Protein backbone atom coordinates (compact mmCIF):
# COMPACT_ATOMS: atom_id res chain seq x y z
CA UNK A 1 143.29 63.61 78.72
CA UNK A 2 142.00 67.18 78.56
CA UNK A 3 138.36 65.98 77.44
CA UNK A 4 138.39 63.45 80.17
CA UNK A 5 139.45 65.86 83.04
CA UNK A 6 137.14 68.36 81.78
CA UNK A 7 134.25 65.88 81.94
CA UNK A 8 135.50 64.90 85.66
CA UNK A 9 135.52 68.38 86.34
CA UNK A 10 131.82 69.08 85.10
CA UNK A 11 130.46 66.17 86.93
CA UNK A 12 132.13 67.11 90.01
CA UNK A 13 130.87 70.66 89.67
CA UNK A 14 127.31 69.33 88.84
CA UNK A 15 127.42 66.98 91.53
CA UNK A 16 128.18 69.80 94.06
CA UNK A 17 125.31 71.73 92.73
CA UNK A 18 123.01 68.92 93.24
CA UNK A 19 124.29 68.58 96.69
CA UNK A 20 123.52 71.99 97.53
CA UNK A 21 120.20 71.91 96.25
CA UNK A 22 119.16 68.66 97.96
CA UNK A 23 120.77 70.45 101.42
CA UNK A 24 118.54 73.28 100.57
CA UNK A 25 115.37 71.15 99.87
CA UNK A 26 115.89 68.85 103.01
CA UNK A 27 116.72 72.00 105.28
CA UNK A 28 113.72 73.51 103.85
CA UNK A 29 111.50 70.69 104.51
CA UNK A 30 112.79 69.99 107.97
CA UNK A 31 111.76 73.61 108.43
CA UNK A 32 108.42 73.35 107.21
CA UNK A 33 107.98 70.90 109.56
CA UNK A 34 109.32 71.53 112.47
CA UNK A 35 108.64 75.49 112.71
CA UNK A 36 105.42 75.65 110.46
CA UNK A 37 103.41 78.99 111.57
CA UNK A 38 100.21 76.40 112.45
CA UNK A 39 96.55 78.11 113.73
CA UNK A 40 96.03 78.18 117.70
CA UNK A 41 95.52 79.89 120.55
CA UNK A 42 97.96 82.53 121.90
CA UNK A 43 97.03 82.23 125.37
CA UNK A 44 98.57 78.44 124.91
CA UNK A 45 101.59 79.65 123.23
CA UNK A 46 103.01 82.73 124.84
CA UNK A 47 102.99 84.18 128.73
CA UNK A 48 99.94 86.77 129.49
CA UNK A 49 102.40 89.72 130.12
CA UNK A 50 103.89 89.33 126.65
CA UNK A 51 100.41 89.19 124.55
CA UNK A 52 98.03 91.10 126.82
CA UNK A 53 98.19 94.85 125.81
CA UNK A 54 97.48 97.04 129.00
CA UNK A 55 94.32 99.14 128.77
CA UNK A 56 95.46 102.47 129.39
CA UNK A 57 92.51 104.35 128.43
CA UNK A 58 89.50 105.03 130.86
CA UNK A 59 86.09 103.85 130.50
CA UNK A 60 85.05 107.05 131.41
CA UNK A 61 84.53 110.48 129.46
CA UNK A 62 88.48 111.97 128.58
CA UNK A 63 88.18 114.94 130.33
CA UNK A 64 89.61 117.02 127.49
CA UNK A 65 89.44 116.98 123.57
CA UNK A 66 91.72 114.36 122.51
CA UNK A 67 94.92 114.49 120.01
CA UNK A 68 95.51 111.00 118.34
CA UNK A 69 97.18 109.32 115.59
CA UNK A 70 95.44 107.09 113.01
CA UNK A 71 97.38 104.67 110.99
CA UNK A 72 96.69 101.16 109.70
CA UNK A 73 97.61 98.14 107.48
CA UNK A 74 101.08 96.90 109.10
CA UNK A 75 100.58 93.41 108.56
CA UNK A 76 103.88 91.91 106.88
CA UNK A 77 103.34 90.24 103.47
CA UNK A 78 104.87 87.85 101.32
CA UNK A 79 107.93 87.77 99.61
CA UNK A 80 106.92 85.45 96.78
CA UNK A 81 103.41 87.38 96.21
CA UNK A 82 105.68 90.86 95.87
CA UNK A 83 108.64 89.48 93.86
CA UNK A 84 106.93 86.72 91.62
CA UNK A 85 103.47 87.07 91.51
CA UNK A 86 103.31 90.66 90.03
CA UNK A 87 103.95 90.98 86.35
CA UNK A 88 106.02 93.87 86.31
CA UNK A 89 108.82 92.30 88.08
CA UNK A 90 109.19 90.30 85.42
CA UNK A 91 110.36 93.14 83.06
CA UNK A 92 113.50 93.83 85.37
CA UNK A 93 116.95 92.43 84.61
CA UNK A 94 117.09 91.15 88.62
CA UNK A 95 115.48 88.01 87.27
CA UNK A 96 118.32 86.77 85.62
CA UNK A 97 120.34 86.78 88.53
CA UNK A 98 120.88 83.29 90.70
CA UNK A 99 120.80 85.35 93.98
CA UNK A 100 117.37 86.83 93.27
CA UNK A 101 115.80 83.49 92.36
CA UNK A 102 117.83 81.75 95.76
CA UNK A 103 116.97 84.46 98.01
CA UNK A 104 113.44 85.39 96.91
CA UNK A 105 112.71 81.74 95.48
CA UNK A 106 114.07 79.80 97.81
CA UNK A 107 113.49 81.39 101.02
CA UNK A 108 110.13 83.35 99.97
CA UNK A 109 108.96 79.69 98.96
CA UNK A 110 109.73 78.23 102.18
CA UNK A 111 108.20 80.83 104.32
CA UNK A 112 105.10 80.58 101.87
CA UNK A 113 104.95 76.92 102.67
CA UNK A 114 105.54 77.52 106.28
CA UNK A 115 102.79 80.09 106.49
CA UNK A 116 105.14 82.63 107.78
CA UNK A 117 104.73 85.96 106.15
CA UNK A 118 108.37 87.68 105.12
CA UNK A 119 107.87 90.81 103.57
CA UNK A 120 107.74 94.72 104.43
CA UNK A 121 109.86 94.55 107.55
CA UNK A 122 112.10 97.63 106.98
CA UNK A 123 108.58 99.56 105.79
CA UNK A 124 107.05 98.69 109.12
CA UNK A 125 109.47 99.66 111.36
CA UNK A 126 109.89 102.85 109.82
CA UNK A 127 106.61 104.04 110.26
CA UNK A 128 106.32 102.68 113.40
CA UNK A 129 109.63 104.60 114.80
CA UNK A 130 107.82 107.84 113.19
CA UNK A 131 104.86 107.30 115.06
CA UNK A 132 106.40 106.50 118.05
CA UNK A 133 108.19 109.65 117.71
CA UNK A 134 105.15 111.52 116.66
CA UNK A 135 103.06 110.26 119.70
CA UNK A 136 106.04 111.17 122.11
CA UNK A 137 106.35 114.47 120.44
CA UNK A 138 102.71 115.77 120.43
CA UNK A 139 101.88 113.91 123.53
CA UNK A 140 98.77 112.16 121.93
CA UNK A 141 95.94 110.20 124.07
CA UNK A 142 96.27 107.38 122.04
CA UNK A 143 96.80 105.64 119.17
CA UNK A 144 94.02 104.48 116.71
CA UNK A 145 95.10 101.36 114.30
CA UNK A 146 92.46 100.90 111.37
CA UNK A 147 93.07 97.43 111.26
CA UNK A 148 95.08 93.95 109.78
CA UNK A 149 98.19 93.94 112.15
CA UNK A 150 98.71 90.36 111.85
CA UNK A 151 98.69 88.78 108.54
CA UNK A 152 96.75 85.87 109.83
CA UNK A 153 94.92 86.17 113.57
CA UNK A 154 94.59 82.55 113.47
CA UNK A 155 97.97 81.70 114.02
CA UNK A 156 99.70 82.87 117.05
CA UNK A 157 103.30 83.57 115.67
CA UNK A 158 101.95 86.44 113.35
CA UNK A 159 100.58 87.98 116.47
CA UNK A 160 103.91 87.59 117.94
CA UNK A 161 105.73 89.47 115.00
CA UNK A 162 102.88 92.27 115.74
CA UNK A 163 103.76 91.78 119.25
CA UNK A 164 107.88 92.08 119.17
CA UNK A 165 107.57 94.68 116.71
CA UNK A 166 105.52 97.02 118.96
CA UNK A 167 105.91 95.82 122.36
CA UNK A 168 109.69 94.87 122.83
CA UNK A 169 111.67 96.40 120.03
CA UNK A 170 109.60 99.85 120.53
CA UNK A 171 107.15 100.43 123.62
CA UNK A 172 104.25 101.53 121.66
CA UNK A 173 101.73 99.30 123.03
CA UNK A 174 103.11 100.16 126.70
CA UNK A 175 103.67 103.78 126.42
CA UNK A 176 100.26 104.90 124.51
CA UNK A 177 96.68 104.04 124.83
CA UNK A 178 96.61 101.43 121.52
CA UNK A 179 93.02 101.65 120.11
CA UNK A 180 92.58 98.74 117.54
CA UNK A 181 89.96 98.48 114.84
CA UNK A 182 89.08 94.97 113.78
CA UNK A 183 90.73 94.11 110.13
CA UNK A 184 89.78 91.45 107.97
CA UNK A 185 93.26 89.95 108.52
CA UNK A 186 92.52 89.32 112.35
CA UNK A 187 89.88 86.75 110.89
CA UNK A 188 87.81 87.25 114.10
CA UNK A 189 84.81 85.67 112.27
CA UNK A 190 86.47 82.26 113.09
CA UNK A 191 85.27 81.81 116.73
CA UNK A 192 87.71 78.79 117.12
CA UNK A 193 91.18 80.79 116.89
CA UNK A 194 90.82 84.43 115.20
CA UNK A 195 88.25 85.73 117.81
CA UNK A 196 89.63 84.12 121.13
CA UNK A 197 93.37 85.59 120.21
CA UNK A 198 92.05 88.97 119.36
CA UNK A 199 90.39 89.26 122.58
CA UNK A 200 93.28 87.86 124.57
CA UNK A 201 95.60 90.58 123.30
CA UNK A 202 93.10 93.75 123.27
CA UNK A 203 91.25 94.60 126.51
CA UNK A 204 88.65 96.59 124.08
CA UNK A 205 85.71 95.32 122.60
CA UNK A 206 85.05 95.07 118.95
CA UNK A 207 82.24 97.50 119.18
CA UNK A 208 82.89 100.43 121.84
CA UNK A 209 82.37 104.12 122.13
CA UNK A 210 85.32 106.83 123.52
CA UNK A 211 83.61 110.19 124.70
CA UNK A 212 85.18 113.37 124.97
CA UNK A 213 83.91 117.16 125.68
CA UNK A 214 82.80 118.22 121.92
CA UNK A 215 83.26 114.51 120.05
CA UNK A 216 82.36 110.83 120.31
CA UNK A 217 84.57 108.03 118.33
CA UNK A 218 82.46 104.87 117.59
CA UNK A 219 84.76 101.80 116.98
CA UNK A 220 82.52 99.22 114.98
CA UNK A 221 83.74 95.46 113.54
CA UNK A 222 82.66 95.96 109.52
CA UNK A 223 83.68 92.22 109.36
CA UNK A 224 80.45 91.42 110.28
CA UNK A 225 79.09 93.17 107.24
CA UNK A 226 81.99 92.26 104.77
CA UNK A 227 82.81 88.38 105.35
CA UNK A 228 85.84 87.88 103.45
CA UNK A 229 86.81 84.82 104.12
CA UNK A 230 83.23 83.33 104.53
CA UNK A 231 83.09 82.15 108.28
CA UNK A 232 79.52 83.45 108.50
CA UNK A 233 76.62 82.34 106.64
CA UNK A 234 74.28 85.01 104.97
CA UNK A 235 71.34 84.51 107.23
CA UNK A 236 73.45 84.87 110.60
CA UNK A 237 75.49 88.11 108.41
CA UNK A 238 71.85 89.65 108.25
CA UNK A 239 71.22 88.99 111.96
CA UNK A 240 74.47 90.81 112.96
CA UNK A 241 74.13 93.73 110.83
CA UNK A 242 70.39 94.10 112.27
CA UNK A 243 71.63 93.99 115.93
CA UNK A 244 74.82 95.92 115.39
CA UNK A 245 74.54 98.38 112.65
CA UNK A 246 70.88 99.22 111.53
CA UNK A 247 67.77 97.49 112.48
CA UNK A 248 64.60 96.86 110.43
CA UNK A 249 62.60 97.24 113.62
CA UNK A 250 62.25 100.91 114.94
CA UNK A 251 61.41 99.25 118.31
CA UNK A 252 64.62 97.52 118.65
CA UNK A 253 67.34 99.67 117.08
CA UNK A 254 70.62 98.38 116.27
CA UNK A 255 73.85 98.99 118.50
CA UNK A 256 75.17 101.65 116.27
CA UNK A 257 72.03 103.27 116.12
CA UNK A 258 71.22 103.35 119.65
CA UNK A 259 74.93 104.88 120.66
CA UNK A 260 74.74 107.49 117.68
CA UNK A 261 71.49 108.78 118.78
CA UNK A 262 72.40 108.87 122.65
CA UNK A 263 75.13 111.49 121.96
CA UNK A 264 74.52 114.80 121.69
CA UNK A 265 78.18 116.02 120.43
CA UNK A 266 79.57 118.63 118.44
CA UNK A 267 81.77 115.91 116.20
CA UNK A 268 80.68 112.40 115.72
CA UNK A 269 83.32 110.11 114.10
CA UNK A 270 83.31 106.37 113.07
CA UNK A 271 86.11 103.92 112.92
CA UNK A 272 85.85 101.03 110.63
CA UNK A 273 88.38 98.65 108.75
CA UNK A 274 86.26 98.11 105.23
CA UNK A 275 85.74 101.91 103.85
CA UNK A 276 81.98 102.40 102.72
CA UNK A 277 83.52 105.06 100.14
CA UNK A 278 86.83 104.39 98.35
CA UNK A 279 88.77 104.59 94.93
CA UNK A 280 91.12 102.06 95.29
CA UNK A 281 91.10 98.10 94.93
CA UNK A 282 88.82 97.38 97.14
CA UNK A 283 86.30 99.74 95.37
CA UNK A 284 84.10 96.74 94.60
CA UNK A 285 84.16 94.66 97.80
CA UNK A 286 80.47 95.87 98.50
CA UNK A 287 79.37 94.22 95.37
CA UNK A 288 80.83 90.70 95.70
CA UNK A 289 78.10 88.47 96.41
CA UNK A 290 81.07 85.57 98.10
CA UNK A 291 81.55 88.32 100.73
CA UNK A 292 77.64 88.41 101.94
CA UNK A 293 74.21 89.11 100.49
CA UNK A 294 72.53 92.82 99.96
CA UNK A 295 75.90 94.56 100.56
CA UNK A 296 75.02 97.72 98.53
CA UNK A 297 71.89 97.81 100.27
CA UNK A 298 73.62 97.37 103.77
CA UNK A 299 75.96 100.35 102.64
CA UNK A 300 73.27 102.43 102.05
CA UNK A 301 71.57 101.96 105.12
CA UNK A 302 74.95 102.86 107.10
CA UNK A 303 75.38 106.14 105.19
CA UNK A 304 71.81 107.15 105.74
CA UNK A 305 72.47 106.40 109.39
CA UNK A 306 75.62 108.48 109.54
CA UNK A 307 74.06 111.16 107.46
CA UNK A 308 70.91 111.01 109.99
CA UNK A 309 73.12 111.51 112.95
CA UNK A 310 75.37 114.14 111.63
CA UNK A 311 78.60 111.73 111.42
CA UNK A 312 81.51 114.07 110.13
CA UNK A 313 84.46 112.00 109.59
CA UNK A 314 85.04 108.27 109.06
CA UNK A 315 88.51 106.43 109.79
CA UNK A 316 89.00 103.10 107.83
CA UNK A 317 91.80 101.13 106.21
CA UNK A 318 92.11 98.53 104.09
CA UNK A 319 92.89 100.00 101.04
CA UNK A 320 96.86 99.93 101.23
CA UNK A 321 97.26 103.91 100.25
CA UNK A 322 95.95 107.17 101.69
CA UNK A 323 92.57 108.47 100.67
CA UNK A 324 90.23 111.41 101.39
CA UNK A 325 87.25 111.25 99.95
CA UNK A 326 83.77 113.20 100.47
CA UNK A 327 80.29 112.40 100.54
CA UNK A 328 78.18 115.39 99.79
CA UNK A 329 74.68 115.69 100.98
CA UNK A 330 71.82 118.44 102.02
CA UNK A 331 69.90 117.69 105.18
CA UNK A 332 65.69 118.02 105.17
CA UNK A 333 64.98 121.59 105.12
CA UNK A 334 68.63 122.72 105.18
CA UNK A 335 69.94 123.57 101.81
CA UNK A 336 73.64 124.07 102.90
CA UNK A 337 75.70 121.24 101.31
CA UNK A 338 77.19 119.47 104.25
CA UNK A 339 80.03 116.44 104.25
CA UNK A 340 81.16 113.13 105.58
CA UNK A 341 84.92 112.81 105.20
CA UNK A 342 86.24 109.51 104.59
CA UNK A 343 89.74 109.09 105.83
CA UNK A 344 91.40 106.10 104.57
CA UNK A 345 94.82 105.42 106.49
CA UNK A 346 96.33 101.97 105.10
CA UNK A 347 99.92 103.06 104.75
CA UNK A 348 101.53 101.30 107.91
CA UNK A 349 104.13 98.78 106.19
CA UNK A 350 102.50 96.55 103.98
CA UNK A 351 102.86 97.09 100.47
CA UNK A 352 101.29 99.53 98.82
CA UNK A 353 99.00 99.50 96.14
CA UNK A 354 98.89 102.04 92.83
CA UNK A 355 96.91 105.17 92.70
CA UNK A 356 93.76 105.08 90.09
CA UNK A 357 94.17 106.86 86.87
CA UNK A 358 91.74 109.63 85.87
CA UNK A 359 89.43 107.30 83.83
CA UNK A 360 89.35 104.92 86.56
CA UNK A 361 88.61 107.53 89.01
CA UNK A 362 85.48 108.92 87.07
CA UNK A 363 84.44 105.81 86.41
CA UNK A 364 84.03 104.72 90.23
CA UNK A 365 82.41 108.15 90.85
CA UNK A 366 79.68 107.50 88.29
CA UNK A 367 79.26 103.84 90.26
CA UNK A 368 78.44 105.86 93.22
CA UNK A 369 76.27 108.44 91.24
CA UNK A 370 74.06 105.30 90.04
CA UNK A 371 73.84 104.62 93.86
CA UNK A 372 72.35 107.89 94.39
CA UNK A 373 75.71 108.94 96.16
CA UNK A 374 77.38 112.64 95.19
CA UNK A 375 81.13 111.44 96.14
CA UNK A 376 84.43 112.65 95.52
CA UNK A 377 87.84 111.73 95.26
CA UNK A 378 89.66 114.87 97.05
CA UNK A 379 93.54 113.35 97.28
CA UNK A 380 94.76 109.73 96.65
CA UNK A 381 98.29 108.76 97.39
CA UNK A 382 100.13 105.59 97.53
CA UNK A 383 102.79 106.69 100.47
CA UNK A 384 103.50 105.41 103.86
CA UNK A 385 101.77 107.57 106.08
CA UNK A 386 100.01 108.12 109.42
CA UNK A 387 97.22 110.81 110.30
CA UNK A 388 97.54 113.33 113.30
CA UNK A 389 93.51 114.59 114.36
CA UNK A 390 93.42 117.17 116.87
CA UNK A 391 89.72 117.84 118.24
CA UNK A 392 88.99 121.27 119.26
CA UNK A 393 85.36 122.68 120.61
CA UNK A 394 84.61 124.02 116.95
CA UNK A 395 86.57 122.23 114.50
CA UNK A 396 88.95 118.79 113.69
CA UNK A 397 92.39 119.13 112.19
CA UNK A 398 93.61 116.16 110.04
CA UNK A 399 97.47 116.30 109.20
CA UNK A 400 98.66 113.73 107.14
CA UNK A 401 102.43 112.84 107.17
CA UNK A 402 104.27 111.15 104.63
CA UNK A 403 106.62 108.55 106.23
CA UNK A 404 109.75 109.11 103.82
CA UNK A 405 113.06 106.95 105.15
CA UNK A 406 114.97 110.03 104.48
CA UNK A 407 117.11 110.32 107.83
CA UNK A 408 117.25 114.37 107.17
CA UNK A 409 113.18 114.86 107.01
CA UNK A 410 111.84 111.39 108.09
CA UNK A 411 107.99 112.93 107.69
CA UNK A 412 106.67 115.58 105.57
CA UNK A 413 103.34 116.91 105.69
CA UNK A 414 101.52 115.78 102.80
CA UNK A 415 97.74 116.98 103.52
CA UNK A 416 95.92 119.19 106.25
CA UNK A 417 92.05 118.83 106.52
CA UNK A 418 89.96 121.42 108.36
CA UNK A 419 86.72 120.42 109.47
CA UNK A 420 84.25 122.98 110.76
CA UNK A 421 81.71 122.75 113.80
């Protein structure tokens, strides 16, 4: 009798579990079908007062040398990718627990199928709140985002996440001029959805210059060089490089050549998403033939252009960490050693990358030596952070603050760079 009763309980238990799994599966499929994050146009899904970021910065030269914040790579990520696709996670005891699989596996799997990134919410808000507080405290002139704001700029709901977090929850986009640099996740090389969405949201073009009394900031779109999603064929990439960056015809210089040559400023700064010099995960992007043709040659031309026109600082993102790298060189007829500082700020909330060990750093540096470049990795830290930049008439000061998440000390100074005239 007991055996029959136990068997009946077992069948009932299994049936209950089966019903729960069926309900979860059906509800998941229903959710996927009803609210999938489809590609489309932001302008057809939201009112303009929600998606349009106001242009709070004048087109004319700013009267004073500025103070501004630099940060980037604040897009959402994937729970499945962070929890299940990294081998180190399989070495923890959490994988033995049912809640871990139910919470991260089922929820994450459904969101993956729905094209809805669902990871990093706490970290994004933590960095955002610190930047908002810094912007008010330091009375900055603007905020420069080094790119990768949505996970996929072709999907309106991904932009909705960015706009809600930075416009509704905190009025970052409304109270301070917000200058975007186009990242690869904005997918602006897609002319059907990616580019129209970007242009609908931001009033600033992909290429433009901000002028100050003693400095100029040149904002460029490096996706025209490195096309990670292969939207543009090689011939068109070559044409765009000659149009916007470096031309092979001296009688018809490219946009960046003309703009750099026309500014007689003490300091020249460039902002672009893909770092020409980096020691992180994306170090090899400039050698990937699938991203474009002759990328190493194009990088060399770009760096020679920076040297020719005395660029001192290049702000970048793309690597999910903080890097300060320096390209050392001597000008013709001048034996003094000069430097271009590459500030990689990609700790805006997306999951961080690991820093490289000394052996890997040296191997990467040898790669640069082989290309004729004298490059130093000055500092590399995998921390959430932002940079506070202050331009004076005879120097640039860059303070880098780690965002700790500690209520007693929410931010702490982790690096300070002084760049003289």
